[in-house]
Amino acid sequence: MPILNDLDIILYVQLLEHVNITSYRMLIMIAKILKYDDAKQLLIENFDESADNDKLFLLIAKEYITSD
């Protein structure tokens, strides 16, 4: 079924996005400790973008599941 293939892809992309989010959290902590303010700001922006993408993927998956 094509819908299952699509949901598999969305699940995989969400998994990758969660890895990004976790990595950014760790890197932000390291940048803070090392006082790399410019790098920390860039990492925060990337973290926010990844969090937004994660929400978007969740909405897409929800739309697939509830659509007829």
N, C-alpha and C. Protein backbone atom coordinates (compact mmCIF):
# COMPACT_ATOMS: atom_id res chain seq x y z
N MET A 1 0.84 -1.18 0.00
CA MET A 1 0.00 0.00 0.00
C MET A 1 0.88 1.24 0.00
N PRO A 2 0.63 2.16 -0.91
CA PRO A 2 1.46 3.37 -1.00
C PRO A 2 1.46 4.23 0.26
N ILE A 3 0.32 4.26 0.97
CA ILE A 3 0.26 5.09 2.18
C ILE A 3 1.24 4.58 3.24
N LEU A 4 1.41 3.27 3.33
CA LEU A 4 2.36 2.73 4.30
C LEU A 4 3.80 3.07 3.92
N ASN A 5 4.10 3.06 2.64
CA ASN A 5 5.44 3.45 2.20
C ASN A 5 5.70 4.92 2.54
N ASP A 6 4.70 5.76 2.30
CA ASP A 6 4.85 7.18 2.63
C ASP A 6 5.04 7.39 4.12
N LEU A 7 4.26 6.68 4.92
CA LEU A 7 4.40 6.81 6.38
C LEU A 7 5.74 6.28 6.87
N ASP A 8 6.24 5.24 6.22
CA ASP A 8 7.58 4.74 6.57
C ASP A 8 8.64 5.80 6.33
N ILE A 9 8.52 6.50 5.21
CA ILE A 9 9.48 7.56 4.89
C ILE A 9 9.37 8.70 5.89
N ILE A 10 8.14 9.09 6.21
CA ILE A 10 7.95 10.16 7.19
C ILE A 10 8.51 9.76 8.55
N LEU A 11 8.29 8.52 8.95
CA LEU A 11 8.83 8.03 10.22
C LEU A 11 10.36 8.08 10.23
N TYR A 12 10.96 7.67 9.14
CA TYR A 12 12.42 7.69 9.04
C TYR A 12 12.95 9.12 9.11
N VAL A 13 12.31 10.04 8.41
CA VAL A 13 12.75 11.44 8.42
C VAL A 13 12.58 12.03 9.82
N GLN A 14 11.50 11.67 10.50
CA GLN A 14 11.30 12.15 11.87
C GLN A 14 12.40 11.61 12.79
N LEU A 15 12.75 10.37 12.60
CA LEU A 15 13.83 9.79 13.40
C LEU A 15 15.13 10.56 13.20
N LEU A 16 15.45 10.88 11.96
CA LEU A 16 16.65 11.67 11.67
C LEU A 16 16.56 13.05 12.31
N GLU A 17 15.39 13.63 12.28
CA GLU A 17 15.20 14.96 12.86
C GLU A 17 15.40 14.90 14.37
N HIS A 18 14.96 13.83 15.02
CA HIS A 18 15.16 13.69 16.46
C HIS A 18 16.65 13.55 16.80
N VAL A 19 17.39 12.89 15.94
CA VAL A 19 18.85 12.80 16.13
C VAL A 19 19.45 14.21 16.04
N ASN A 20 19.00 14.99 15.06
CA ASN A 20 19.48 16.37 14.93
C ASN A 20 19.17 17.19 16.18
N ILE A 21 17.95 17.08 16.66
CA ILE A 21 17.54 17.85 17.84
C ILE A 21 18.41 17.49 19.04
N THR A 22 18.63 16.21 19.25
CA THR A 22 19.47 15.77 20.37
C THR A 22 20.91 16.26 20.20
N SER A 23 21.42 16.18 19.00
CA SER A 23 22.79 16.64 18.73
C SER A 23 22.93 18.13 18.97
N TYR A 24 21.94 18.90 18.50
CA TYR A 24 22.00 20.35 18.72
C TYR A 24 21.96 20.68 20.21
N ARG A 25 21.15 19.96 20.98
CA ARG A 25 21.11 20.21 22.43
C ARG A 25 22.48 20.01 23.06
N MET A 26 23.14 18.93 22.68
CA MET A 26 24.47 18.65 23.24
C MET A 26 25.47 19.72 22.80
N LEU A 27 25.45 20.08 21.52
CA LEU A 27 26.40 21.07 21.01
C LEU A 27 26.15 22.45 21.62
N ILE A 28 24.90 22.78 21.89
CA ILE A 28 24.59 24.06 22.54
C ILE A 28 25.19 24.09 23.94
N MET A 29 25.07 22.98 24.67
CA MET A 29 25.66 22.93 26.01
C MET A 29 27.18 23.08 25.94
N ILE A 30 27.80 22.43 24.97
CA ILE A 30 29.26 22.52 24.82
C ILE A 30 29.68 23.94 24.45
N ALA A 31 28.94 24.55 23.51
CA ALA A 31 29.27 25.92 23.10
C ALA A 31 29.12 26.88 24.27
N LYS A 32 28.13 26.64 25.12
CA LYS A 32 27.93 27.50 26.29
C LYS A 32 29.11 27.37 27.26
N ILE A 33 29.54 26.13 27.50
CA ILE A 33 30.67 25.90 28.41
C ILE A 33 31.95 26.54 27.87
N LEU A 34 32.16 26.43 26.55
CA LEU A 34 33.37 26.98 25.93
C LEU A 34 33.26 28.48 25.62
N LYS A 35 32.07 29.04 25.91
CA LYS A 35 31.82 30.47 25.68
C LYS A 35 31.97 30.85 24.21
N TYR A 36 31.47 29.97 23.33
CA TYR A 36 31.43 30.25 21.89
C TYR A 36 30.04 30.80 21.57
N ASP A 37 29.86 32.08 21.86
CA ASP A 37 28.53 32.69 21.75
C ASP A 37 27.99 32.68 20.31
N ASP A 38 28.85 32.96 19.33
CA ASP A 38 28.39 32.96 17.94
C ASP A 38 27.96 31.56 17.50
N ALA A 39 28.74 30.57 17.86
CA ALA A 39 28.40 29.19 17.52
C ALA A 39 27.13 28.77 18.25
N LYS A 40 27.00 29.18 19.51
CA LYS A 40 25.81 28.83 20.29
C LYS A 40 24.56 29.41 19.65
N GLN A 41 24.62 30.65 19.19
CA GLN A 41 23.47 31.29 18.55
C GLN A 41 23.08 30.55 17.27
N LEU A 42 24.07 30.19 16.48
CA LEU A 42 23.81 29.45 15.25
C LEU A 42 23.18 28.09 15.55
N LEU A 43 23.69 27.41 16.57
CA LEU A 43 23.14 26.12 16.96
C LEU A 43 21.71 26.25 17.47
N ILE A 44 21.42 27.30 18.20
CA ILE A 44 20.06 27.54 18.69
C ILE A 44 19.11 27.73 17.51
N GLU A 45 19.54 28.50 16.52
CA GLU A 45 18.71 28.72 15.33
C GLU A 45 18.45 27.39 14.60
N ASN A 46 19.48 26.57 14.47
CA ASN A 46 19.32 25.28 13.82
C ASN A 46 18.43 24.35 14.65
N PHE A 47 18.59 24.40 15.96
CA PHE A 47 17.73 23.61 16.84
C PHE A 47 16.27 23.99 16.65
N ASP A 48 16.00 25.29 16.63
CA ASP A 48 14.63 25.76 16.45
C ASP A 48 14.05 25.30 15.11
N GLU A 49 14.87 25.36 14.07
CA GLU A 49 14.43 24.92 12.75
C GLU A 49 14.13 23.41 12.75
N SER A 50 14.96 22.64 13.41
CA SER A 50 14.73 21.20 13.49
C SER A 50 13.46 20.89 14.28
N ALA A 51 13.23 21.62 15.35
CA ALA A 51 12.01 21.43 16.13
C ALA A 51 10.78 21.76 15.30
N ASP A 52 10.86 22.83 14.52
CA ASP A 52 9.75 23.19 13.63
C ASP A 52 9.52 22.11 12.57
N ASN A 53 10.60 21.59 12.02
CA ASN A 53 10.48 20.53 11.02
C ASN A 53 9.83 19.29 11.63
N ASP A 54 10.20 18.97 12.85
CA ASP A 54 9.62 17.81 13.52
C ASP A 54 8.11 17.98 13.66
N LYS A 55 7.68 19.16 14.04
CA LYS A 55 6.24 19.43 14.16
C LYS A 55 5.55 19.31 12.80
N LEU A 56 6.22 19.79 11.77
CA LEU A 56 5.66 19.71 10.42
C LEU A 56 5.51 18.25 9.98
N PHE A 57 6.51 17.43 10.23
CA PHE A 57 6.42 16.02 9.87
C PHE A 57 5.30 15.33 10.64
N LEU A 58 5.11 15.72 11.88
CA LEU A 58 4.02 15.15 12.68
C LEU A 58 2.67 15.52 12.08
N LEU A 59 2.53 16.77 11.67
CA LEU A 59 1.27 17.21 11.04
C LEU A 59 1.02 16.48 9.73
N ILE A 60 2.08 16.27 8.94
CA ILE A 60 1.94 15.54 7.68
C ILE A 60 1.49 14.11 7.95
N ALA A 61 2.11 13.46 8.90
CA ALA A 61 1.74 12.08 9.24
C ALA A 61 0.31 12.02 9.73
N LYS A 62 -0.08 12.98 10.55
CA LYS A 62 -1.45 13.02 11.05
C LYS A 62 -2.44 13.19 9.91
N GLU A 63 -2.09 14.03 8.95
CA GLU A 63 -2.94 14.27 7.79
C GLU A 63 -3.09 12.98 6.96
N TYR A 64 -2.01 12.25 6.79
CA TYR A 64 -2.06 10.98 6.06
C TYR A 64 -2.98 9.99 6.76
N ILE A 65 -2.87 9.92 8.07
CA ILE A 65 -3.64 8.93 8.82
C ILE A 65 -5.13 9.25 8.84
N THR A 66 -5.46 10.52 8.93
CA THR A 66 -6.88 10.91 9.06
C THR A 66 -7.56 11.17 7.73
N SER A 67 -6.81 11.26 6.62
CA SER A 67 -7.44 11.54 5.33
C SER A 67 -8.10 10.28 4.78
N ASP A 68 -9.11 10.51 3.96
CA ASP A 68 -9.81 9.37 3.34
C ASP A 68 -9.33 9.11 1.94
